[in-house]
Amino acid sequence: MNYQDYIEIKADKRFGRPCVKGTRISVYDVLNWLSNGMTKEEIISDFEELDEKMINACLAFAANRERKLNVAS
């Protein structure tokens, strides 16, 4: 998955946090919902502007960032 198709970082949106393109929903928001037990289906039901590919892109973004942190240490 190429998460860059779905995730953007803009200094003027959510203080430069990575967000789902076309929304003000941050990657952190999505990860937090998932970690608190929400299913992808529940998230999509609550936030109709999201789809499963966008949620997967958030997971891929986080995995890539974690990988980069581990390589740097």
PDB file of N, CA and C in Angstrom:
ATOM      1  N   MET A   1       0.847  -1.189   0.000  1.00  0.00           N
ATOM      2  CA  MET A   1       0.000   0.000   0.000  1.00  0.00           C
ATOM      3  C   MET A   1       0.881   1.237   0.000  1.00  0.00           C
ATOM      4  N   ASN A   2       0.540   2.173  -0.838  1.00  0.00           N
ATOM      5  CA  ASN A   2       1.242   3.455  -0.876  1.00  0.00           C
ATOM      6  C   ASN A   2       0.433   4.461  -0.051  1.00  0.00           C
ATOM      7  N   TYR A   3       0.788   4.561   1.223  1.00  0.00           N
ATOM      8  CA  TYR A   3      -0.002   5.417   2.118  1.00  0.00           C
ATOM      9  C   TYR A   3       0.037   6.877   1.705  1.00  0.00           C
ATOM     10  N   GLN A   4       1.036   7.282   0.938  1.00  0.00           N
ATOM     11  CA  GLN A   4       1.132   8.683   0.515  1.00  0.00           C
ATOM     12  C   GLN A   4      -0.037   9.103  -0.370  1.00  0.00           C
ATOM     13  N   ASP A   5      -0.733   8.119  -0.939  1.00  0.00           N
ATOM     14  CA  ASP A   5      -1.930   8.434  -1.728  1.00  0.00           C
ATOM     15  C   ASP A   5      -3.073   8.912  -0.838  1.00  0.00           C
ATOM     16  N   TYR A   6      -2.999   8.620   0.461  1.00  0.00           N
ATOM     17  CA  TYR A   6      -4.104   8.897   1.375  1.00  0.00           C
ATOM     18  C   TYR A   6      -3.745   9.817   2.548  1.00  0.00           C
ATOM     19  N   ILE A   7      -2.461   9.984   2.825  1.00  0.00           N
ATOM     20  CA  ILE A   7      -2.020  10.747   3.995  1.00  0.00           C
ATOM     21  C   ILE A   7      -1.258  11.987   3.533  1.00  0.00           C
ATOM     22  N   GLU A   8      -1.528  13.107   4.193  1.00  0.00           N
ATOM     23  CA  GLU A   8      -0.803  14.342   3.890  1.00  0.00           C
ATOM     24  C   GLU A   8      -0.405  15.039   5.175  1.00  0.00           C
ATOM     25  N   ILE A   9       0.649  15.827   5.070  1.00  0.00           N
ATOM     26  CA  ILE A   9       1.100  16.636   6.203  1.00  0.00           C
ATOM     27  C   ILE A   9       1.173  18.076   5.717  1.00  0.00           C
ATOM     28  N   LYS A  10       0.338  18.913   6.307  1.00  0.00           N
ATOM     29  CA  LYS A  10       0.315  20.338   5.963  1.00  0.00           C
ATOM     30  C   LYS A  10       0.461  21.144   7.239  1.00  0.00           C
ATOM     31  N   ALA A  11       1.338  22.122   7.214  1.00  0.00           N
ATOM     32  CA  ALA A  11       1.618  22.924   8.402  1.00  0.00           C
ATOM     33  C   ALA A  11       0.371  23.638   8.928  1.00  0.00           C
ATOM     34  N   ASP A  12      -0.557  23.986   8.041  1.00  0.00           N
ATOM     35  CA  ASP A  12      -1.737  24.747   8.455  1.00  0.00           C
ATOM     36  C   ASP A  12      -2.943  23.857   8.809  1.00  0.00           C
ATOM     37  N   LYS A  13      -2.745  22.547   8.827  1.00  0.00           N
ATOM     38  CA  LYS A  13      -3.840  21.630   9.160  1.00  0.00           C
ATOM     39  C   LYS A  13      -3.432  20.779  10.355  1.00  0.00           C
ATOM     40  N   ARG A  14      -4.196  20.883  11.444  1.00  0.00           N
ATOM     41  CA  ARG A  14      -3.975  20.091  12.658  1.00  0.00           C
ATOM     42  C   ARG A  14      -2.521  20.202  13.150  1.00  0.00           C
ATOM     43  N   PHE A  15      -1.987  21.409  13.079  1.00  0.00           N
ATOM     44  CA  PHE A  15      -0.644  21.709  13.594  1.00  0.00           C
ATOM     45  C   PHE A  15       0.438  20.866  12.931  1.00  0.00           C
ATOM     46  N   GLY A  16       0.244  20.525  11.651  1.00  0.00           N
ATOM     47  CA  GLY A  16       1.247  19.773  10.915  1.00  0.00           C
ATOM     48  C   GLY A  16       1.236  18.279  11.177  1.00  0.00           C
ATOM     49  N   ARG A  17       0.205  17.794  11.839  1.00  0.00           N
ATOM     50  CA  ARG A  17       0.105  16.346  12.073  1.00  0.00           C
ATOM     51  C   ARG A  17      -0.343  15.662  10.784  1.00  0.00           C
ATOM     52  N   PRO A  18       0.100  14.425  10.584  1.00  0.00           N
ATOM     53  CA  PRO A  18      -0.354  13.694   9.395  1.00  0.00           C
ATOM     54  C   PRO A  18      -1.852  13.438   9.466  1.00  0.00           C
ATOM     55  N   CYS A  19      -2.549  13.740   8.367  1.00  0.00           N
ATOM     56  CA  CYS A  19      -4.005  13.603   8.293  1.00  0.00           C
ATOM     57  C   CYS A  19      -4.399  12.853   7.035  1.00  0.00           C
ATOM     58  N   VAL A  20      -5.593  12.307   7.064  1.00  0.00           N
ATOM     59  CA  VAL A  20      -6.170  11.689   5.884  1.00  0.00           C
ATOM     60  C   VAL A  20      -6.502  12.808   4.904  1.00  0.00           C
ATOM     61  N   LYS A  21      -6.060  12.661   3.660  1.00  0.00           N
ATOM     62  CA  LYS A  21      -6.288  13.700   2.644  1.00  0.00           C
ATOM     63  C   LYS A  21      -7.769  14.038   2.533  1.00  0.00           C
ATOM     64  N   GLY A  22      -8.038  15.329   2.411  1.00  0.00           N
ATOM     65  CA  GLY A  22      -9.405  15.795   2.236  1.00  0.00           C
ATOM     66  C   GLY A  22     -10.214  15.855   3.515  1.00  0.00           C
ATOM     67  N   THR A  23      -9.565  15.557   4.655  1.00  0.00           N
ATOM     68  CA  THR A  23     -10.265  15.604   5.945  1.00  0.00           C
ATOM     69  C   THR A  23      -9.379  16.319   6.961  1.00  0.00           C
ATOM     70  N   ARG A  24      -9.920  16.520   8.147  1.00  0.00           N
ATOM     71  CA  ARG A  24      -9.127  17.010   9.262  1.00  0.00           C
ATOM     72  C   ARG A  24      -8.907  15.882  10.279  1.00  0.00           C
ATOM     73  N   ILE A  25      -9.085  14.651   9.832  1.00  0.00           N
ATOM     74  CA  ILE A  25      -8.913  13.478  10.693  1.00  0.00           C
ATOM     75  C   ILE A  25      -7.447  13.067  10.650  1.00  0.00           C
ATOM     76  N   SER A  26      -6.814  13.071  11.816  1.00  0.00           N
ATOM     77  CA  SER A  26      -5.393  12.743  11.859  1.00  0.00           C
ATOM     78  C   SER A  26      -5.174  11.235  11.926  1.00  0.00           C
ATOM     79  N   VAL A  27      -3.979  10.827  11.540  1.00  0.00           N
ATOM     80  CA  VAL A  27      -3.583   9.427  11.667  1.00  0.00           C
ATOM     81  C   VAL A  27      -3.716   9.012  13.131  1.00  0.00           C
ATOM     82  N   TYR A  28      -3.307   9.891  14.042  1.00  0.00           N
ATOM     83  CA  TYR A  28      -3.427   9.596  15.472  1.00  0.00           C
ATOM     84  C   TYR A  28      -4.872   9.295  15.858  1.00  0.00           C
ATOM     85  N   ASP A  29      -5.818  10.079  15.340  1.00  0.00           N
ATOM     86  CA  ASP A  29      -7.229   9.845  15.647  1.00  0.00           C
ATOM     87  C   ASP A  29      -7.629   8.421  15.272  1.00  0.00           C
ATOM     88  N   VAL A  30      -7.288   8.024  14.060  1.00  0.00           N
ATOM     89  CA  VAL A  30      -7.664   6.700  13.570  1.00  0.00           C
ATOM     90  C   VAL A  30      -7.001   5.609  14.408  1.00  0.00           C
ATOM     91  N   LEU A  31      -5.712   5.755  14.673  1.00  0.00           N
ATOM     92  CA  LEU A  31      -5.008   4.756  15.480  1.00  0.00           C
ATOM     93  C   LEU A  31      -5.600   4.671  16.885  1.00  0.00           C
ATOM     94  N   ASN A  32      -5.952   5.801  17.440  1.00  0.00           N
ATOM     95  CA  ASN A  32      -6.543   5.835  18.772  1.00  0.00           C
ATOM     96  C   ASN A  32      -7.893   5.110  18.796  1.00  0.00           C
ATOM     97  N   TRP A  33      -8.715   5.367  17.795  1.00  0.00           N
ATOM     98  CA  TRP A  33     -10.010   4.682  17.736  1.00  0.00           C
ATOM     99  C   TRP A  33      -9.821   3.176  17.643  1.00  0.00           C
ATOM    100  N   LEU A  34      -8.891   2.742  16.788  1.00  0.00           N
ATOM    101  CA  LEU A  34      -8.630   1.308  16.645  1.00  0.00           C
ATOM    102  C   LEU A  34      -8.102   0.712  17.943  1.00  0.00           C
ATOM    103  N   SER A  35      -7.198   1.422  18.607  1.00  0.00           N
ATOM    104  CA  SER A  35      -6.613   0.892  19.842  1.00  0.00           C
ATOM    105  C   SER A  35      -7.632   0.836  20.981  1.00  0.00           C
ATOM    106  N   ASN A  36      -8.685   1.635  20.872  1.00  0.00           N
ATOM    107  CA  ASN A  36      -9.743   1.614  21.880  1.00  0.00           C
ATOM    108  C   ASN A  36     -10.858   0.635  21.534  1.00  0.00           C
ATOM    109  N   GLY A  37     -10.632  -0.187  20.508  1.00  0.00           N
ATOM    110  CA  GLY A  37     -11.554  -1.265  20.209  1.00  0.00           C
ATOM    111  C   GLY A  37     -12.557  -1.026  19.108  1.00  0.00           C
ATOM    112  N   MET A  38     -12.537   0.153  18.486  1.00  0.00           N
ATOM    113  CA  MET A  38     -13.467   0.372  17.378  1.00  0.00           C
ATOM    114  C   MET A  38     -13.029  -0.471  16.188  1.00  0.00           C
ATOM    115  N   THR A  39     -13.989  -1.012  15.478  1.00  0.00           N
ATOM    116  CA  THR A  39     -13.685  -1.733  14.253  1.00  0.00           C
ATOM    117  C   THR A  39     -13.608  -0.737  13.099  1.00  0.00           C
ATOM    118  N   LYS A  40     -13.035  -1.182  12.009  1.00  0.00           N
ATOM    119  CA  LYS A  40     -12.994  -0.327  10.816  1.00  0.00           C
ATOM    120  C   LYS A  40     -14.413   0.051  10.400  1.00  0.00           C
ATOM    121  N   GLU A  41     -15.308  -0.906  10.489  1.00  0.00           N
ATOM    122  CA  GLU A  41     -16.699  -0.660  10.092  1.00  0.00           C
ATOM    123  C   GLU A  41     -17.346   0.411  10.971  1.00  0.00           C
ATOM    124  N   GLU A  42     -17.066   0.370  12.272  1.00  0.00           N
ATOM    125  CA  GLU A  42     -17.616   1.383  13.183  1.00  0.00           C
ATOM    126  C   GLU A  42     -17.043   2.769  12.877  1.00  0.00           C
ATOM    127  N   ILE A  43     -15.769   2.821  12.580  1.00  0.00           N
ATOM    128  CA  ILE A  43     -15.145   4.112  12.249  1.00  0.00           C
ATOM    129  C   ILE A  43     -15.768   4.671  10.977  1.00  0.00           C
ATOM    130  N   ILE A  44     -15.908   3.829   9.973  1.00  0.00           N
ATOM    131  CA  ILE A  44     -16.490   4.271   8.704  1.00  0.00           C
ATOM    132  C   ILE A  44     -17.945   4.699   8.897  1.00  0.00           C
ATOM    133  N   SER A  45     -18.668   4.023   9.765  1.00  0.00           N
ATOM    134  CA  SER A  45     -20.046   4.389  10.054  1.00  0.00           C
ATOM    135  C   SER A  45     -20.125   5.764  10.721  1.00  0.00           C
ATOM    136  N   ASP A  46     -19.192   6.039  11.633  1.00  0.00           N
ATOM    137  CA  ASP A  46     -19.170   7.321  12.341  1.00  0.00           C
ATOM    138  C   ASP A  46     -18.588   8.454  11.495  1.00  0.00           C
ATOM    139  N   PHE A  47     -17.666   8.125  10.604  1.00  0.00           N
ATOM    140  CA  PHE A  47     -16.971   9.130   9.788  1.00  0.00           C
ATOM    141  C   PHE A  47     -17.061   8.697   8.333  1.00  0.00           C
ATOM    142  N   GLU A  48     -18.162   9.058   7.696  1.00  0.00           N
ATOM    143  CA  GLU A  48     -18.463   8.579   6.348  1.00  0.00           C
ATOM    144  C   GLU A  48     -17.456   9.040   5.300  1.00  0.00           C
ATOM    145  N   GLU A  49     -16.634  10.047   5.626  1.00  0.00           N
ATOM    146  CA  GLU A  49     -15.632  10.502   4.678  1.00  0.00           C
ATOM    147  C   GLU A  49     -14.442   9.539   4.600  1.00  0.00           C
ATOM    148  N   LEU A  50     -14.380   8.581   5.532  1.00  0.00           N
ATOM    149  CA  LEU A  50     -13.307   7.587   5.534  1.00  0.00           C
ATOM    150  C   LEU A  50     -13.773   6.303   4.870  1.00  0.00           C
ATOM    151  N   ASP A  51     -12.800   5.569   4.309  1.00  0.00           N
ATOM    152  CA  ASP A  51     -13.076   4.224   3.824  1.00  0.00           C
ATOM    153  C   ASP A  51     -11.959   3.304   4.322  1.00  0.00           C
ATOM    154  N   GLU A  52     -12.086   2.031   4.032  1.00  0.00           N
ATOM    155  CA  GLU A  52     -11.140   1.056   4.564  1.00  0.00           C
ATOM    156  C   GLU A  52      -9.717   1.304   4.060  1.00  0.00           C
ATOM    157  N   LYS A  53      -9.570   1.749   2.822  1.00  0.00           N
ATOM    158  CA  LYS A  53      -8.235   2.038   2.288  1.00  0.00           C
ATOM    159  C   LYS A  53      -7.568   3.159   3.076  1.00  0.00           C
ATOM    160  N   MET A  54      -8.328   4.154   3.468  1.00  0.00           N
ATOM    161  CA  MET A  54      -7.778   5.266   4.247  1.00  0.00           C
ATOM    162  C   MET A  54      -7.326   4.799   5.627  1.00  0.00           C
ATOM    163  N   ILE A  55      -8.116   3.947   6.256  1.00  0.00           N
ATOM    164  CA  ILE A  55      -7.757   3.414   7.568  1.00  0.00           C
ATOM    165  C   ILE A  55      -6.501   2.557   7.450  1.00  0.00           C
ATOM    166  N   ASN A  56      -6.434   1.724   6.413  1.00  0.00           N
ATOM    167  CA  ASN A  56      -5.242   0.913   6.185  1.00  0.00           C
ATOM    168  C   ASN A  56      -4.025   1.787   5.914  1.00  0.00           C
ATOM    169  N   ALA A  57      -4.226   2.913   5.245  1.00  0.00           N
ATOM    170  CA  ALA A  57      -3.123   3.834   4.992  1.00  0.00           C
ATOM    171  C   ALA A  57      -2.586   4.405   6.304  1.00  0.00           C
ATOM    172  N   CYS A  58      -3.468   4.677   7.257  1.00  0.00           N
ATOM    173  CA  CYS A  58      -3.028   5.160   8.570  1.00  0.00           C
ATOM    174  C   CYS A  58      -2.163   4.107   9.257  1.00  0.00           C
ATOM    175  N   LEU A  59      -2.580   2.854   9.173  1.00  0.00           N
ATOM    176  CA  LEU A  59      -1.796   1.767   9.761  1.00  0.00           C
ATOM    177  C   LEU A  59      -0.445   1.629   9.059  1.00  0.00           C
ATOM    178  N   ALA A  60      -0.439   1.725   7.738  1.00  0.00           N
ATOM    179  CA  ALA A  60       0.811   1.629   6.981  1.00  0.00           C
ATOM    180  C   ALA A  60       1.746   2.793   7.312  1.00  0.00           C
ATOM    181  N   PHE A  61       1.190   3.991   7.449  1.00  0.00           N
ATOM    182  CA  PHE A  61       1.990   5.161   7.815  1.00  0.00           C
ATOM    183  C   PHE A  61       2.657   4.938   9.165  1.00  0.00           C
ATOM    184  N   ALA A  62       1.880   4.470  10.141  1.00  0.00           N
ATOM    185  CA  ALA A  62       2.419   4.240  11.479  1.00  0.00           C
ATOM    186  C   ALA A  62       3.484   3.150  11.463  1.00  0.00           C
ATOM    187  N   ALA A  63       3.254   2.089  10.709  1.00  0.00           N
ATOM    188  CA  ALA A  63       4.243   1.006  10.617  1.00  0.00           C
ATOM    189  C   ALA A  63       5.533   1.509   9.988  1.00  0.00           C
ATOM    190  N   ASN A  64       5.416   2.327   8.955  1.00  0.00           N
ATOM    191  CA  ASN A  64       6.601   2.878   8.303  1.00  0.00           C
ATOM    192  C   ASN A  64       7.371   3.798   9.243  1.00  0.00           C
ATOM    193  N   ARG A  65       6.668   4.619   9.988  1.00  0.00           N
ATOM    194  CA  ARG A  65       7.325   5.521  10.934  1.00  0.00           C
ATOM    195  C   ARG A  65       8.032   4.734  12.033  1.00  0.00           C
ATOM    196  N   GLU A  66       7.404   3.676  12.519  1.00  0.00           N
ATOM    197  CA  GLU A  66       8.009   2.813  13.542  1.00  0.00           C
ATOM    198  C   GLU A  66       9.269   2.146  12.998  1.00  0.00           C
ATOM    199  N   ARG A  67       9.208   1.676  11.757  1.00  0.00           N
ATOM    200  CA  ARG A  67      10.367   1.051  11.137  1.00  0.00           C
ATOM    201  C   ARG A  67      11.527   2.028  11.057  1.00  0.00           C
ATOM    202  N   LYS A  68      11.243   3.262  10.676  1.00  0.00           N
ATOM    203  CA  LYS A  68      12.292   4.283  10.571  1.00  0.00           C
ATOM    204  C   LYS A  68      12.897   4.583  11.941  1.00  0.00           C
ATOM    205  N   LEU A  69      12.083   4.590  12.989  1.00  0.00           N
ATOM    206  CA  LEU A  69      12.600   4.830  14.335  1.00  0.00           C
ATOM    207  C   LEU A  69      13.544   3.703  14.771  1.00  0.00           C
ATOM    208  N   ASN A  70      13.171   2.474  14.451  1.00  0.00           N
ATOM    209  CA  ASN A  70      13.995   1.330  14.833  1.00  0.00           C
ATOM    210  C   ASN A  70      15.300   1.284  14.071  1.00  0.00           C
ATOM    211  N   VAL A  71      15.306   1.698  12.811  1.00  0.00           N
ATOM    212  CA  VAL A  71      16.519   1.706  12.012  1.00  0.00           C
ATOM    213  C   VAL A  71      17.481   2.774  12.515  1.00  0.00           C
ATOM    214  N   ALA A  72      16.942   3.898  12.950  1.00  0.00           N
ATOM    215  CA  ALA A  72      17.782   5.017  13.406  1.00  0.00           C
ATOM    216  C   ALA A  72      18.453   4.749  14.744  1.00  0.00           C
ATOM    217  N   SER A  73      17.914   3.845  15.552  1.00  0.00           N
ATOM    218  CA  SER A  73      18.486   3.629  16.886  1.00  0.00           C
ATOM    219  C   SER A  73      19.551   2.574  16.918  1.00  0.00           C
TER     220      SER A  73
END
